[in-house]
Amino acid sequence: MKKRLLSGIRTSGVTHIGNVFGAINQWVQMQNDYESFAMLADLHALTTPSEAVNIEKKTLETAKLYLALGLNPKKTTIFVQSHVPQHAELSWILGTIARLGELERMTQFKDKSLGQESINLGLFAYPVLMAADILAYNADAVPVGEDQKQHVELTRNLAERFNSRYGQTFKIPEYISQKSSARIMGLDDSSKKMSKSAENPKNYIAVLDDETTIREKIKSAVTDSGSEITFSEEKKPAVSNLLTIFSLASGKSVGDLEKEFTGHGYGQFKEVLSDALVAYLSPIQEKYKNISNSEIKNVLAEGAKHAQEVAGKTLGEVKKRVGLLQI
């Protein structure tokens, strides 16, 4: 029997190359080896109202991109989080064993609440819902970026705590990271990751950016002092980030790229990097254009049906364990 994998992405902001190189490409590769579930996290998107504008449109867009990037509905159950009510119900039950202190220590909560006059409960409890997302499917593996590792650790803690209190119920999920591409940094600031919610559109390359936009964004991307094109995250973080992106888009190793651009300046390097990104994204964009709304809605309906069956079985067991009345 195959092990089970759960992955997901918020349906807000833009889907960018950081999402692709850091996460989605992993899911595509792993769907042959795992029983895979790919979630469109629209409930998570609601925790940041400014990011949840046009959430229905963004959900359809992200679902189409899943297919265009290579997720196969015959191999991966693709579903919308809000279409599976068991997530929210399990989140409440897990919330009764989660502790305020461990939620207050979540780095992402600290980052997103910084400077905010008021914080909504959803943002604070976000990691508990994420734990429910994972545990509803008794996932063996969770491929996420480095920034989400802390949330997976919380999920593991909650699963162990529940099992200890109520008896063996949940598998303890494993965190999986593709270290070479786990964090793609912003083009405007190499000290911060590329972000779906970045206010500056020059922070990211969106999967659906046209050729002109891609070239403009790469041209304006920050670099480091000096002119050598070498990989050193400590001394040349911005150039190292661009080399990582170039390597992932072209399939060439970072070492080979360093040799190829020995003696060349940033201008020429950026021009060829732009060529590589345009070549990489163009066929994905073409596939995206050919997927209709009716086609993707059918995929999501089938995905929700299967996801509800699996999550419903888990939730039923959880309710028995905690002593809720069954009729």
C-alpha atoms as a PDB file:
ATOM      1  CA  MET A   1       0.000   0.000   0.000  1.00  0.00           C
ATOM      2  CA  LYS A   2       1.298   3.456  -0.924  1.00  0.00           C
ATOM      3  CA  LYS A   3       1.992   6.002   1.771  1.00  0.00           C
ATOM      4  CA  ARG A   4      -0.281   9.041   1.778  1.00  0.00           C
ATOM      5  CA  LEU A   5       0.790  12.616   0.973  1.00  0.00           C
ATOM      6  CA  LEU A   6      -1.076  15.869   1.678  1.00  0.00           C
ATOM      7  CA  SER A   7      -0.065  19.158   0.099  1.00  0.00           C
ATOM      8  CA  GLY A   8      -1.779  22.491  -0.321  1.00  0.00           C
ATOM      9  CA  ILE A   9      -1.516  26.132  -1.280  1.00  0.00           C
ATOM     10  CA  ARG A  10      -3.503  29.218  -0.278  1.00  0.00           C
ATOM     11  CA  THR A  11      -5.904  30.461  -2.943  1.00  0.00           C
ATOM     12  CA  SER A  12      -4.927  34.112  -2.575  1.00  0.00           C
ATOM     13  CA  GLY A  13      -2.417  36.432  -4.163  1.00  0.00           C
ATOM     14  CA  VAL A  14      -0.484  35.078  -7.118  1.00  0.00           C
ATOM     15  CA  THR A  15       1.031  31.679  -7.752  1.00  0.00           C
ATOM     16  CA  HIS A  16       4.684  32.403  -8.426  1.00  0.00           C
ATOM     17  CA  ILE A  17       7.850  30.518  -9.312  1.00  0.00           C
ATOM     18  CA  GLY A  18       8.704  30.197  -5.618  1.00  0.00           C
ATOM     19  CA  ASN A  19       5.536  28.130  -5.163  1.00  0.00           C
ATOM     20  CA  VAL A  20       6.402  26.063  -8.227  1.00  0.00           C
ATOM     21  CA  PHE A  21      10.085  25.404  -7.533  1.00  0.00           C
ATOM     22  CA  GLY A  22       9.694  25.177  -3.779  1.00  0.00           C
ATOM     23  CA  ALA A  23       6.562  23.035  -3.581  1.00  0.00           C
ATOM     24  CA  ILE A  24       4.370  22.149  -6.561  1.00  0.00           C
ATOM     25  CA  ASN A  25       7.119  20.511  -8.622  1.00  0.00           C
ATOM     26  CA  GLN A  26       7.780  18.236  -5.644  1.00  0.00           C
ATOM     27  CA  TRP A  27       4.120  17.228  -5.537  1.00  0.00           C
ATOM     28  CA  VAL A  28       4.144  16.408  -9.251  1.00  0.00           C
ATOM     29  CA  GLN A  29       7.187  14.175  -8.833  1.00  0.00           C
ATOM     30  CA  MET A  30       5.802  12.472  -5.742  1.00  0.00           C
ATOM     31  CA  GLN A  31       2.311  11.702  -7.059  1.00  0.00           C
ATOM     32  CA  ASN A  32       3.667   8.551  -8.704  1.00  0.00           C
ATOM     33  CA  ASP A  33       4.969   7.200  -5.402  1.00  0.00           C
ATOM     34  CA  TYR A  34       2.264   8.311  -2.964  1.00  0.00           C
ATOM     35  CA  GLU A  35      -1.495   8.317  -2.622  1.00  0.00           C
ATOM     36  CA  SER A  36      -1.634  12.077  -3.093  1.00  0.00           C
ATOM     37  CA  PHE A  37      -4.088  14.763  -1.979  1.00  0.00           C
ATOM     38  CA  ALA A  38      -3.600  18.345  -3.216  1.00  0.00           C
ATOM     39  CA  MET A  39      -5.683  20.959  -1.418  1.00  0.00           C
ATOM     40  CA  LEU A  40      -6.732  24.446  -2.477  1.00  0.00           C
ATOM     41  CA  ALA A  41      -6.652  26.202   0.901  1.00  0.00           C
ATOM     42  CA  ASP A  42      -9.419  28.784   0.566  1.00  0.00           C
ATOM     43  CA  LEU A  43     -10.276  28.755   4.292  1.00  0.00           C
ATOM     44  CA  HIS A  44      -6.676  29.640   5.108  1.00  0.00           C
ATOM     45  CA  ALA A  45      -6.860  32.507   2.613  1.00  0.00           C
ATOM     46  CA  LEU A  46      -9.731  34.034   4.602  1.00  0.00           C
ATOM     47  CA  THR A  47      -7.425  34.668   7.578  1.00  0.00           C
ATOM     48  CA  THR A  48      -5.905  37.575   5.662  1.00  0.00           C
ATOM     49  CA  PRO A  49      -8.911  39.487   4.249  1.00  0.00           C
ATOM     50  CA  SER A  50      -6.767  41.725   2.046  1.00  0.00           C
ATOM     51  CA  GLU A  51      -5.420  38.596   0.303  1.00  0.00           C
ATOM     52  CA  ALA A  52      -8.824  36.956  -0.064  1.00  0.00           C
ATOM     53  CA  VAL A  53     -10.210  39.406  -2.634  1.00  0.00           C
ATOM     54  CA  ASN A  54     -11.766  37.528  -5.577  1.00  0.00           C
ATOM     55  CA  ILE A  55     -11.212  34.264  -3.726  1.00  0.00           C
ATOM     56  CA  GLU A  56     -13.541  32.281  -6.029  1.00  0.00           C
ATOM     57  CA  LYS A  57     -11.609  33.447  -9.084  1.00  0.00           C
ATOM     58  CA  LYS A  58      -8.273  32.701  -7.400  1.00  0.00           C
ATOM     59  CA  THR A  59      -9.425  29.214  -6.424  1.00  0.00           C
ATOM     60  CA  LEU A  60     -10.290  28.351 -10.031  1.00  0.00           C
ATOM     61  CA  GLU A  61      -7.043  29.907 -11.259  1.00  0.00           C
ATOM     62  CA  THR A  62      -4.931  27.941  -8.790  1.00  0.00           C
ATOM     63  CA  ALA A  63      -6.756  24.700  -9.600  1.00  0.00           C
ATOM     64  CA  LYS A  64      -6.068  25.192 -13.317  1.00  0.00           C
ATOM     65  CA  LEU A  65      -2.423  25.877 -12.544  1.00  0.00           C
ATOM     66  CA  TYR A  66      -2.252  22.604 -10.596  1.00  0.00           C
ATOM     67  CA  LEU A  67      -3.209  20.776 -13.799  1.00  0.00           C
ATOM     68  CA  ALA A  68      -1.015  22.919 -16.048  1.00  0.00           C
ATOM     69  CA  LEU A  69       1.984  22.269 -13.809  1.00  0.00           C
ATOM     70  CA  GLY A  70       1.505  18.521 -14.002  1.00  0.00           C
ATOM     71  CA  LEU A  71      -0.766  17.322 -11.217  1.00  0.00           C
ATOM     72  CA  ASN A  72      -2.851  14.467 -12.638  1.00  0.00           C
ATOM     73  CA  PRO A  73      -6.401  13.998 -11.248  1.00  0.00           C
ATOM     74  CA  LYS A  74      -6.042  10.268 -11.923  1.00  0.00           C
ATOM     75  CA  LYS A  75      -3.082  10.170  -9.534  1.00  0.00           C
ATOM     76  CA  THR A  76      -3.816  13.075  -7.189  1.00  0.00           C
ATOM     77  CA  THR A  77      -7.073  13.973  -5.431  1.00  0.00           C
ATOM     78  CA  ILE A  78      -7.417  17.705  -6.103  1.00  0.00           C
ATOM     79  CA  PHE A  79      -9.998  19.425  -3.894  1.00  0.00           C
ATOM     80  CA  VAL A  80     -11.051  22.719  -2.328  1.00  0.00           C
ATOM     81  CA  GLN A  81     -10.614  22.919   1.445  1.00  0.00           C
ATOM     82  CA  SER A  82     -14.048  24.470   2.098  1.00  0.00           C
ATOM     83  CA  HIS A  83     -15.723  21.655   0.131  1.00  0.00           C
ATOM     84  CA  VAL A  84     -14.671  19.203   2.861  1.00  0.00           C
ATOM     85  CA  PRO A  85     -16.376  20.352   6.095  1.00  0.00           C
ATOM     86  CA  GLN A  86     -14.534  17.718   8.130  1.00  0.00           C
ATOM     87  CA  HIS A  87     -11.471  20.021   8.138  1.00  0.00           C
ATOM     88  CA  ALA A  88     -13.226  22.732  10.154  1.00  0.00           C
ATOM     89  CA  GLU A  89     -14.856  20.248  12.534  1.00  0.00           C
ATOM     90  CA  LEU A  90     -11.604  18.418  13.234  1.00  0.00           C
ATOM     91  CA  SER A  91      -9.862  21.773  13.697  1.00  0.00           C
ATOM     92  CA  TRP A  92     -12.240  22.591  16.565  1.00  0.00           C
ATOM     93  CA  ILE A  93     -11.559  19.277  18.279  1.00  0.00           C
ATOM     94  CA  LEU A  94      -7.793  19.717  17.916  1.00  0.00           C
ATOM     95  CA  GLY A  95      -8.187  23.254  19.231  1.00  0.00           C
ATOM     96  CA  THR A  96      -9.341  21.812  22.537  1.00  0.00           C
ATOM     97  CA  ILE A  97      -5.924  20.203  23.067  1.00  0.00           C
ATOM     98  CA  ALA A  98      -3.795  22.952  21.493  1.00  0.00           C
ATOM     99  CA  ARG A  99      -2.130  25.366  23.913  1.00  0.00           C
ATOM    100  CA  LEU A 100      -2.085  29.146  23.664  1.00  0.00           C
ATOM    101  CA  GLY A 101       1.645  29.298  24.330  1.00  0.00           C
ATOM    102  CA  GLU A 102       2.592  27.071  21.414  1.00  0.00           C
ATOM    103  CA  LEU A 103       0.374  29.044  19.036  1.00  0.00           C
ATOM    104  CA  GLU A 104       1.840  32.348  20.236  1.00  0.00           C
ATOM    105  CA  ARG A 105       5.307  31.028  19.397  1.00  0.00           C
ATOM    106  CA  MET A 106       4.462  30.419  15.743  1.00  0.00           C
ATOM    107  CA  THR A 107       6.871  32.513  13.665  1.00  0.00           C
ATOM    108  CA  GLN A 108       4.384  33.146  10.858  1.00  0.00           C
ATOM    109  CA  PHE A 109       1.798  34.436  13.324  1.00  0.00           C
ATOM    110  CA  LYS A 110       4.365  36.844  14.764  1.00  0.00           C
ATOM    111  CA  ASP A 111       5.363  38.032  11.290  1.00  0.00           C
ATOM    112  CA  LYS A 112       1.829  38.511   9.982  1.00  0.00           C
ATOM    113  CA  SER A 113       0.503  40.146  13.149  1.00  0.00           C
ATOM    114  CA  LEU A 114       3.406  42.586  13.465  1.00  0.00           C
ATOM    115  CA  GLY A 115       2.114  46.146  13.390  1.00  0.00           C
ATOM    116  CA  GLN A 116      -1.544  45.083  13.194  1.00  0.00           C
ATOM    117  CA  GLU A 117      -3.989  46.889  15.472  1.00  0.00           C
ATOM    118  CA  SER A 118      -6.251  43.855  15.780  1.00  0.00           C
ATOM    119  CA  ILE A 119      -5.665  40.177  15.026  1.00  0.00           C
ATOM    120  CA  ASN A 120      -8.424  37.825  13.953  1.00  0.00           C
ATOM    121  CA  LEU A 121      -8.834  34.455  15.638  1.00  0.00           C
ATOM    122  CA  GLY A 122      -8.424  32.676  12.289  1.00  0.00           C
ATOM    123  CA  LEU A 123      -4.874  33.948  11.878  1.00  0.00           C
ATOM    124  CA  PHE A 124      -3.998  32.888  15.411  1.00  0.00           C
ATOM    125  CA  ALA A 125      -5.579  29.434  14.999  1.00  0.00           C
ATOM    126  CA  TYR A 126      -4.263  28.946  11.441  1.00  0.00           C
ATOM    127  CA  PRO A 127      -1.760  26.228  12.522  1.00  0.00           C
ATOM    128  CA  VAL A 128      -4.536  24.195  14.176  1.00  0.00           C
ATOM    129  CA  LEU A 129      -6.569  24.180  10.962  1.00  0.00           C
ATOM    130  CA  MET A 130      -3.412  23.207   9.090  1.00  0.00           C
ATOM    131  CA  ALA A 131      -2.960  20.320  11.520  1.00  0.00           C
ATOM    132  CA  ALA A 132      -6.548  19.252  10.823  1.00  0.00           C
ATOM    133  CA  ASP A 133      -5.861  19.422   7.074  1.00  0.00           C
ATOM    134  CA  ILE A 134      -3.001  16.976   7.492  1.00  0.00           C
ATOM    135  CA  LEU A 135      -4.439  14.672  10.139  1.00  0.00           C
ATOM    136  CA  ALA A 136      -7.848  14.336   8.446  1.00  0.00           C
ATOM    137  CA  TYR A 137      -6.092  12.196   5.837  1.00  0.00           C
ATOM    138  CA  ASN A 138      -3.631  10.521   8.215  1.00  0.00           C
ATOM    139  CA  ALA A 139      -0.923  11.753   5.866  1.00  0.00           C
ATOM    140  CA  ASP A 140       2.460  10.082   6.097  1.00  0.00           C
ATOM    141  CA  ALA A 141       4.268  12.913   4.302  1.00  0.00           C
ATOM    142  CA  VAL A 142       3.815  16.683   4.066  1.00  0.00           C
ATOM    143  CA  PRO A 143       6.012  18.457   1.501  1.00  0.00           C
ATOM    144  CA  VAL A 144       6.198  22.123   2.492  1.00  0.00           C
ATOM    145  CA  GLY A 145       8.658  24.991   2.443  1.00  0.00           C
ATOM    146  CA  GLU A 146      11.036  25.725   5.301  1.00  0.00           C
ATOM    147  CA  ASP A 147       8.703  28.464   6.567  1.00  0.00           C
ATOM    148  CA  GLN A 148       5.954  25.890   7.204  1.00  0.00           C
ATOM    149  CA  LYS A 149       8.147  23.366   9.024  1.00  0.00           C
ATOM    150  CA  GLN A 150       7.164  24.780  12.418  1.00  0.00           C
ATOM    151  CA  HIS A 151       3.494  24.169  11.597  1.00  0.00           C
ATOM    152  CA  VAL A 152       4.193  20.535  10.729  1.00  0.00           C
ATOM    153  CA  GLU A 153       6.025  20.172  14.044  1.00  0.00           C
ATOM    154  CA  LEU A 154       2.907  21.470  15.811  1.00  0.00           C
ATOM    155  CA  THR A 155       0.814  18.959  13.851  1.00  0.00           C
ATOM    156  CA  ARG A 156       3.079  16.165  15.047  1.00  0.00           C
ATOM    157  CA  ASN A 157       2.797  17.406  18.636  1.00  0.00           C
ATOM    158  CA  LEU A 158      -0.997  17.582  18.477  1.00  0.00           C
ATOM    159  CA  ALA A 159      -1.225  14.093  16.954  1.00  0.00           C
ATOM    160  CA  GLU A 160       1.003  12.647  19.664  1.00  0.00           C
ATOM    161  CA  ARG A 161      -0.932  14.490  22.382  1.00  0.00           C
ATOM    162  CA  PHE A 162      -4.267  13.245  21.040  1.00  0.00           C
ATOM    163  CA  ASN A 163      -2.994   9.663  20.755  1.00  0.00           C
ATOM    164  CA  SER A 164      -1.629   9.797  24.290  1.00  0.00           C
ATOM    165  CA  ARG A 165      -4.884  11.128  25.714  1.00  0.00           C
ATOM    166  CA  TYR A 166      -7.471   9.203  23.682  1.00  0.00           C
ATOM    167  CA  GLY A 167      -5.641   6.201  22.235  1.00  0.00           C
ATOM    168  CA  GLN A 168      -3.846   5.545  18.951  1.00  0.00           C
ATOM    169  CA  THR A 169      -5.741   7.446  16.253  1.00  0.00           C
ATOM    170  CA  PHE A 170      -3.413   9.545  14.089  1.00  0.00           C
ATOM    171  CA  LYS A 171      -0.268   8.744  12.146  1.00  0.00           C
ATOM    172  CA  ILE A 172       2.615  11.062  12.960  1.00  0.00           C
ATOM    173  CA  PRO A 173       3.349  12.889   9.674  1.00  0.00           C
ATOM    174  CA  GLU A 174       6.834  13.487   8.342  1.00  0.00           C
ATOM    175  CA  TYR A 175       8.022  16.846   7.005  1.00  0.00           C
ATOM    176  CA  ILE A 176       9.616  16.670   3.560  1.00  0.00           C
ATOM    177  CA  SER A 177      11.703  19.480   2.080  1.00  0.00           C
ATOM    178  CA  GLN A 178      13.598  19.735  -1.186  1.00  0.00           C
ATOM    179  CA  LYS A 179      16.489  21.670   0.319  1.00  0.00           C
ATOM    180  CA  SER A 180      17.951  22.975  -2.940  1.00  0.00           C
ATOM    181  CA  SER A 181      14.735  24.826  -3.720  1.00  0.00           C
ATOM    182  CA  ALA A 182      12.864  25.073  -0.437  1.00  0.00           C
ATOM    183  CA  ARG A 183      13.096  28.880  -0.314  1.00  0.00           C
ATOM    184  CA  ILE A 184      13.103  31.155  -3.328  1.00  0.00           C
ATOM    185  CA  MET A 185      13.784  34.688  -2.157  1.00  0.00           C
ATOM    186  CA  GLY A 186      12.217  37.927  -3.339  1.00  0.00           C
ATOM    187  CA  LEU A 187      13.640  39.669  -6.407  1.00  0.00           C
ATOM    188  CA  ASP A 188      13.360  43.004  -4.587  1.00  0.00           C
ATOM    189  CA  ASP A 189      14.825  41.809  -1.273  1.00  0.00           C
ATOM    190  CA  SER A 190      16.952  38.682  -1.084  1.00  0.00           C
ATOM    191  CA  SER A 191      16.611  38.540   2.713  1.00  0.00           C
ATOM    192  CA  LYS A 192      12.896  37.714   2.493  1.00  0.00           C
ATOM    193  CA  LYS A 193      11.218  34.873   0.648  1.00  0.00           C
ATOM    194  CA  MET A 194       9.239  35.380  -2.552  1.00  0.00           C
ATOM    195  CA  SER A 195       5.689  35.991  -1.340  1.00  0.00           C
ATOM    196  CA  LYS A 196       2.167  35.565  -2.711  1.00  0.00           C
ATOM    197  CA  SER A 197       1.096  38.596  -0.683  1.00  0.00           C
ATOM    198  CA  ALA A 198       4.004  40.923  -1.470  1.00  0.00           C
ATOM    199  CA  GLU A 199       2.877  44.518  -1.987  1.00  0.00           C
ATOM    200  CA  ASN A 200       5.593  45.074  -4.567  1.00  0.00           C
ATOM    201  CA  PRO A 201       4.853  43.023  -7.735  1.00  0.00           C
ATOM    202  CA  LYS A 202       8.594  43.122  -8.505  1.00  0.00           C
ATOM    203  CA  ASN A 203       9.067  40.745  -5.567  1.00  0.00           C
ATOM    204  CA  TYR A 204       8.003  37.727  -7.622  1.00  0.00           C
ATOM    205  CA  ILE A 205       7.686  36.174 -11.058  1.00  0.00           C
ATOM    206  CA  ALA A 206       4.071  35.018 -11.347  1.00  0.00           C
ATOM    207  CA  VAL A 207       3.479  31.828 -13.306  1.00  0.00           C
ATOM    208  CA  LEU A 208       1.104  33.775 -15.568  1.00  0.00           C
ATOM    209  CA  ASP A 209       3.356  36.814 -16.113  1.00  0.00           C
ATOM    210  CA  ASP A 210       3.843  37.593 -19.817  1.00  0.00           C
ATOM    211  CA  GLU A 211       7.278  37.758 -21.453  1.00  0.00           C
ATOM    212  CA  THR A 212       7.592  41.546 -21.216  1.00  0.00           C
ATOM    213  CA  THR A 213       6.752  41.519 -17.499  1.00  0.00           C
ATOM    214  CA  ILE A 214       9.193  38.691 -16.785  1.00  0.00           C
ATOM    215  CA  ARG A 215      12.034  40.536 -18.514  1.00  0.00           C
ATOM    216  CA  GLU A 216      11.249  43.791 -16.723  1.00  0.00           C
ATOM    217  CA  LYS A 217      11.154  42.114 -13.307  1.00  0.00           C
ATOM    218  CA  ILE A 218      14.423  40.237 -13.832  1.00  0.00           C
ATOM    219  CA  LYS A 219      16.095  43.387 -15.161  1.00  0.00           C
ATOM    220  CA  SER A 220      15.121  45.275 -11.998  1.00  0.00           C
ATOM    221  CA  ALA A 221      16.007  42.417  -9.611  1.00  0.00           C
ATOM    222  CA  VAL A 222      18.470  43.398  -6.894  1.00  0.00           C
ATOM    223  CA  THR A 223      22.073  42.173  -7.133  1.00  0.00           C
ATOM    224  CA  ASP A 224      25.128  42.387  -4.875  1.00  0.00           C
ATOM    225  CA  SER A 225      28.264  44.510  -4.871  1.00  0.00           C
ATOM    226  CA  GLY A 226      30.945  43.436  -7.316  1.00  0.00           C
ATOM    227  CA  SER A 227      30.282  41.923 -10.716  1.00  0.00           C
ATOM    228  CA  GLU A 228      31.218  38.250 -10.266  1.00  0.00           C
ATOM    229  CA  ILE A 229      28.444  35.740 -10.828  1.00  0.00           C
ATOM    230  CA  THR A 230      29.205  33.273  -8.067  1.00  0.00           C
ATOM    231  CA  PHE A 231      27.099  31.357  -5.572  1.00  0.00           C
ATOM    232  CA  SER A 232      27.563  32.407  -1.948  1.00  0.00           C
ATOM    233  CA  GLU A 233      24.451  32.800   0.177  1.00  0.00           C
ATOM    234  CA  GLU A 234      26.475  34.683   2.797  1.00  0.00           C
ATOM    235  CA  LYS A 235      28.457  37.059   0.568  1.00  0.00           C
ATOM    236  CA  LYS A 236      26.201  37.294  -2.508  1.00  0.00           C
ATOM    237  CA  PRO A 237      22.644  36.362  -1.436  1.00  0.00           C
ATOM    238  CA  ALA A 238      20.878  38.172  -4.289  1.00  0.00           C
ATOM    239  CA  VAL A 239      23.022  36.668  -7.052  1.00  0.00           C
ATOM    240  CA  SER A 240      22.822  33.272  -5.359  1.00  0.00           C
ATOM    241  CA  ASN A 241      19.025  33.510  -5.438  1.00  0.00           C
ATOM    242  CA  LEU A 242      19.071  34.326  -9.153  1.00  0.00           C
ATOM    243  CA  LEU A 243      21.456  31.429  -9.803  1.00  0.00           C
ATOM    244  CA  THR A 244      19.107  29.077  -7.952  1.00  0.00           C
ATOM    245  CA  ILE A 245      16.150  30.274 -10.028  1.00  0.00           C
ATOM    246  CA  PHE A 246      18.211  29.953 -13.224  1.00  0.00           C
ATOM    247  CA  SER A 247      19.269  26.412 -12.309  1.00  0.00           C
ATOM    248  CA  LEU A 248      15.711  25.293 -11.596  1.00  0.00           C
ATOM    249  CA  ALA A 249      14.297  26.869 -14.753  1.00  0.00           C
ATOM    250  CA  SER A 250      17.027  25.597 -17.073  1.00  0.00           C
ATOM    251  CA  GLY A 251      17.967  22.265 -15.531  1.00  0.00           C
ATOM    252  CA  LYS A 252      21.629  23.308 -15.440  1.00  0.00           C
ATOM    253  CA  SER A 253      23.617  22.997 -12.233  1.00  0.00           C
ATOM    254  CA  VAL A 254      24.614  26.132 -10.348  1.00  0.00           C
ATOM    255  CA  GLY A 255      28.264  25.162 -10.858  1.00  0.00           C
ATOM    256  CA  ASP A 256      27.829  24.966 -14.625  1.00  0.00           C
ATOM    257  CA  LEU A 257      26.105  28.357 -14.645  1.00  0.00           C
ATOM    258  CA  GLU A 258      28.951  29.907 -12.663  1.00  0.00           C
ATOM    259  CA  LYS A 259      31.400  28.632 -15.291  1.00  0.00           C
ATOM    260  CA  GLU A 260      29.188  29.736 -18.168  1.00  0.00           C
ATOM    261  CA  PHE A 261      29.031  33.319 -16.904  1.00  0.00           C
ATOM    262  CA  THR A 262      32.614  33.714 -15.752  1.00  0.00           C
ATOM    263  CA  GLY A 263      33.762  37.121 -16.956  1.00  0.00           C
ATOM    264  CA  HIS A 264      30.237  38.259 -17.862  1.00  0.00           C
ATOM    265  CA  GLY A 265      28.328  41.058 -16.149  1.00  0.00           C
ATOM    266  CA  TYR A 266      24.956  41.095 -14.445  1.00  0.00           C
ATOM    267  CA  GLY A 267      23.214  42.558 -17.498  1.00  0.00           C
ATOM    268  CA  GLN A 268      23.968  39.640 -19.790  1.00  0.00           C
ATOM    269  CA  PHE A 269      23.328  37.139 -16.996  1.00  0.00           C
ATOM    270  CA  LYS A 270      19.877  38.592 -16.359  1.00  0.00           C
ATOM    271  CA  GLU A 271      19.055  38.597 -20.061  1.00  0.00           C
ATOM    272  CA  VAL A 272      19.802  34.887 -20.439  1.00  0.00           C
ATOM    273  CA  LEU A 273      18.001  34.133 -17.157  1.00  0.00           C
ATOM    274  CA  SER A 274      14.933  35.872 -18.590  1.00  0.00           C
ATOM    275  CA  ASP A 275      15.175  33.682 -21.700  1.00  0.00           C
ATOM    276  CA  ALA A 276      15.243  30.585 -19.501  1.00  0.00           C
ATOM    277  CA  LEU A 277      12.208  31.665 -17.477  1.00  0.00           C
ATOM    278  CA  VAL A 278      10.175  32.550 -20.568  1.00  0.00           C
ATOM    279  CA  ALA A 279      11.016  29.155 -22.099  1.00  0.00           C
ATOM    280  CA  TYR A 280      10.082  27.389 -18.864  1.00  0.00           C
ATOM    281  CA  LEU A 281       6.767  29.197 -18.259  1.00  0.00           C
ATOM    282  CA  SER A 282       5.418  29.487 -21.812  1.00  0.00           C
ATOM    283  CA  PRO A 283       4.226  25.856 -22.194  1.00  0.00           C
ATOM    284  CA  ILE A 284       2.685  25.969 -18.698  1.00  0.00           C
ATOM    285  CA  GLN A 285       0.768  29.125 -19.626  1.00  0.00           C
ATOM    286  CA  GLU A 286      -0.431  27.504 -22.865  1.00  0.00           C
ATOM    287  CA  LYS A 287      -1.771  24.471 -20.972  1.00  0.00           C
ATOM    288  CA  TYR A 288      -3.466  26.784 -18.481  1.00  0.00           C
ATOM    289  CA  LYS A 289      -5.307  28.655 -21.257  1.00  0.00           C
ATOM    290  CA  ASN A 290      -6.696  25.404 -22.623  1.00  0.00           C
ATOM    291  CA  ILE A 291      -8.363  24.320 -19.353  1.00  0.00           C
ATOM    292  CA  SER A 292     -12.017  25.424 -19.143  1.00  0.00           C
ATOM    293  CA  ASN A 293     -13.905  26.342 -15.984  1.00  0.00           C
ATOM    294  CA  SER A 294     -16.310  23.439 -16.497  1.00  0.00           C
ATOM    295  CA  GLU A 295     -13.424  20.982 -16.807  1.00  0.00           C
ATOM    296  CA  ILE A 296     -11.742  22.133 -13.620  1.00  0.00           C
ATOM    297  CA  LYS A 297     -15.027  22.210 -11.681  1.00  0.00           C
ATOM    298  CA  ASN A 298     -15.621  18.565 -12.607  1.00  0.00           C
ATOM    299  CA  VAL A 299     -12.140  17.709 -11.319  1.00  0.00           C
ATOM    300  CA  LEU A 300     -12.827  19.557  -8.052  1.00  0.00           C
ATOM    301  CA  ALA A 301     -16.233  17.893  -7.581  1.00  0.00           C
ATOM    302  CA  GLU A 302     -14.708  14.432  -7.948  1.00  0.00           C
ATOM    303  CA  GLY A 303     -11.840  15.417  -5.667  1.00  0.00           C
ATOM    304  CA  ALA A 304     -14.186  16.699  -2.960  1.00  0.00           C
ATOM    305  CA  LYS A 305     -16.211  13.479  -3.055  1.00  0.00           C
ATOM    306  CA  HIS A 306     -13.154  11.312  -2.438  1.00  0.00           C
ATOM    307  CA  ALA A 307     -11.645  13.707   0.121  1.00  0.00           C
ATOM    308  CA  GLN A 308     -14.904  13.743   2.105  1.00  0.00           C
ATOM    309  CA  GLU A 309     -14.938   9.942   2.219  1.00  0.00           C
ATOM    310  CA  VAL A 310     -11.385   9.747   3.580  1.00  0.00           C
ATOM    311  CA  ALA A 311     -11.664  12.694   5.983  1.00  0.00           C
ATOM    312  CA  GLY A 312     -15.118  11.536   7.132  1.00  0.00           C
ATOM    313  CA  LYS A 313     -13.746   8.168   8.176  1.00  0.00           C
ATOM    314  CA  THR A 314     -11.005   9.853  10.210  1.00  0.00           C
ATOM    315  CA  LEU A 315     -13.400  12.315  11.841  1.00  0.00           C
ATOM    316  CA  GLY A 316     -15.800   9.519  12.761  1.00  0.00           C
ATOM    317  CA  GLU A 317     -13.011   7.727  14.616  1.00  0.00           C
ATOM    318  CA  VAL A 318     -11.951  10.951  16.342  1.00  0.00           C
ATOM    319  CA  LYS A 319     -15.511  11.601  17.570  1.00  0.00           C
ATOM    320  CA  LYS A 320     -15.695   8.108  19.047  1.00  0.00           C
ATOM    321  CA  ARG A 321     -12.348   8.584  20.772  1.00  0.00           C
ATOM    322  CA  VAL A 322     -13.322  11.870  22.446  1.00  0.00           C
ATOM    323  CA  GLY A 323     -16.737  10.521  23.468  1.00  0.00           C
ATOM    324  CA  LEU A 324     -19.113  12.532  21.313  1.00  0.00           C
ATOM    325  CA  LEU A 325     -22.583  10.959  21.032  1.00  0.00           C
ATOM    326  CA  GLN A 326     -23.094   8.948  17.856  1.00  0.00           C
ATOM    327  CA  ILE A 327     -26.645   8.314  16.541  1.00  0.00           C
END
